[in-house]
C-alpha atoms as a PDB file:
ATOM      1  CA  UNK A   1     -80.516  77.095 -33.158  1.00  0.00           C
ATOM      2  CA  UNK A   2     -77.616  77.907 -30.914  1.00  0.00           C
ATOM      3  CA  UNK A   3     -77.639  79.290 -27.406  1.00  0.00           C
ATOM      4  CA  UNK A   4     -76.285  82.627 -28.646  1.00  0.00           C
ATOM      5  CA  UNK A   5     -79.212  83.005 -31.035  1.00  0.00           C
ATOM      6  CA  UNK A   6     -81.767  82.276 -28.300  1.00  0.00           C
ATOM      7  CA  UNK A   7     -80.095  84.717 -25.879  1.00  0.00           C
ATOM      8  CA  UNK A   8     -80.002  87.426 -28.549  1.00  0.00           C
ATOM      9  CA  UNK A   9     -83.638  86.830 -29.439  1.00  0.00           C
ATOM     10  CA  UNK A  10     -84.659  87.031 -25.777  1.00  0.00           C
ATOM     11  CA  UNK A  11     -82.697  90.265 -25.364  1.00  0.00           C
ATOM     12  CA  UNK A  12     -84.396  91.806 -28.389  1.00  0.00           C
ATOM     13  CA  UNK A  13     -87.797  90.724 -27.079  1.00  0.00           C
ATOM     14  CA  UNK A  14     -87.178  92.361 -23.689  1.00  0.00           C
ATOM     15  CA  UNK A  15     -85.962  95.545 -25.373  1.00  0.00           C
ATOM     16  CA  UNK A  16     -89.085  95.665 -27.552  1.00  0.00           C
ATOM     17  CA  UNK A  17     -91.340  95.168 -24.530  1.00  0.00           C
ATOM     18  CA  UNK A  18     -89.580  97.983 -22.678  1.00  0.00           C
ATOM     19  CA  UNK A  19     -89.865 100.318 -25.671  1.00  0.00           C
ATOM     20  CA  UNK A  20     -93.571  99.564 -26.030  1.00  0.00           C
ATOM     21  CA  UNK A  21     -94.451  99.962 -22.360  1.00  0.00           C
ATOM     22  CA  UNK A  22     -92.174 102.891 -21.439  1.00  0.00           C
ATOM     23  CA  UNK A  23     -94.577 105.710 -22.422  1.00  0.00           C
ATOM     24  CA  UNK A  24     -97.403 104.302 -20.316  1.00  0.00           C
ATOM     25  CA  UNK A  25     -95.102 103.623 -17.367  1.00  0.00           C
ATOM     26  CA  UNK A  26     -93.720 107.165 -17.436  1.00  0.00           C
ATOM     27  CA  UNK A  27     -97.228 108.636 -17.605  1.00  0.00           C
ATOM     28  CA  UNK A  28     -98.361 106.460 -14.677  1.00  0.00           C
ATOM     29  CA  UNK A  29     -95.279 107.496 -12.696  1.00  0.00           C
ATOM     30  CA  UNK A  30     -95.867 111.220 -13.251  1.00  0.00           C
ATOM     31  CA  UNK A  31     -99.601 111.031 -12.493  1.00  0.00           C
ATOM     32  CA  UNK A  32     -98.921 108.915  -9.404  1.00  0.00           C
ATOM     33  CA  UNK A  33     -96.413 111.463  -8.156  1.00  0.00           C
ATOM     34  CA  UNK A  34     -98.825 114.337  -8.700  1.00  0.00           C
ATOM     35  CA  UNK A  35    -101.641 112.482  -6.913  1.00  0.00           C
ATOM     36  CA  UNK A  36     -99.333 111.574  -4.031  1.00  0.00           C
ATOM     37  CA  UNK A  37     -98.274 115.178  -3.549  1.00  0.00           C
ATOM     38  CA  UNK A  38    -101.931 116.238  -3.691  1.00  0.00           C
ATOM     39  CA  UNK A  39    -102.873 113.630  -1.086  1.00  0.00           C
ATOM     40  CA  UNK A  40    -100.011 114.643   1.170  1.00  0.00           C
ATOM     41  CA  UNK A  41    -100.848 118.326   1.048  1.00  0.00           C
ATOM     42  CA  UNK A  42    -104.590 117.883   1.569  1.00  0.00           C
ATOM     43  CA  UNK A  43    -104.260 114.873   3.899  1.00  0.00           C
ATOM     44  CA  UNK A  44    -106.869 112.950   1.920  1.00  0.00           C
ATOM     45  CA  UNK A  45    -106.176 109.232   2.358  1.00  0.00           C
ATOM     46  CA  UNK A  46    -108.660 107.807  -0.133  1.00  0.00           C
ATOM     47  CA  UNK A  47    -107.269 104.690  -1.843  1.00  0.00           C
ATOM     48  CA  UNK A  48    -109.293 105.053  -5.038  1.00  0.00           C
ATOM     49  CA  UNK A  49    -107.834 108.522  -5.559  1.00  0.00           C
ATOM     50  CA  UNK A  50    -104.445 106.886  -6.086  1.00  0.00           C
ATOM     51  CA  UNK A  51    -105.546 104.358  -8.723  1.00  0.00           C
ATOM     52  CA  UNK A  52    -108.334 105.893 -10.796  1.00  0.00           C
ATOM     53  CA  UNK A  53    -106.346 108.865 -12.184  1.00  0.00           C
ATOM     54  CA  UNK A  54    -103.459 106.567 -13.135  1.00  0.00           C
ATOM     55  CA  UNK A  55    -105.772 104.151 -14.930  1.00  0.00           C
ATOM     56  CA  UNK A  56    -107.447 106.977 -16.837  1.00  0.00           C
ATOM     57  CA  UNK A  57    -104.133 108.683 -17.624  1.00  0.00           C
ATOM     58  CA  UNK A  58    -102.679 105.471 -19.074  1.00  0.00           C
ATOM     59  CA  UNK A  59    -105.842 104.511 -20.966  1.00  0.00           C
ATOM     60  CA  UNK A  60    -106.081 107.594 -23.174  1.00  0.00           C
ATOM     61  CA  UNK A  61    -102.488 107.624 -24.529  1.00  0.00           C
ATOM     62  CA  UNK A  62    -102.801 103.887 -25.050  1.00  0.00           C
ATOM     63  CA  UNK A  63    -105.595 104.575 -27.520  1.00  0.00           C
ATOM     64  CA  UNK A  64    -103.294 106.811 -29.567  1.00  0.00           C
ATOM     65  CA  UNK A  65    -100.035 104.848 -29.248  1.00  0.00           C
ATOM     66  CA  UNK A  66    -101.391 101.436 -30.260  1.00  0.00           C
ATOM     67  CA  UNK A  67    -101.036 100.908 -34.013  1.00  0.00           C
ATOM     68  CA  UNK A  68    -104.247 100.586 -35.964  1.00  0.00           C
ATOM     69  CA  UNK A  69    -106.337 102.811 -33.728  1.00  0.00           C
END
């Protein structure tokens, strides 16, 4: 096993991780932005309002995107 092989394998592993996690990260980003705008316009500063919708929004697509479900 050469250094080039290990570096290539590590690069492929990182790319696979990014491809697998990108849909959930994008969903969390969009939901977080929507919740932040809602909090700014209504001046509600509840901390759980920022986390609970993101957790729920990432959980449901995760059920459909994971193979074997």
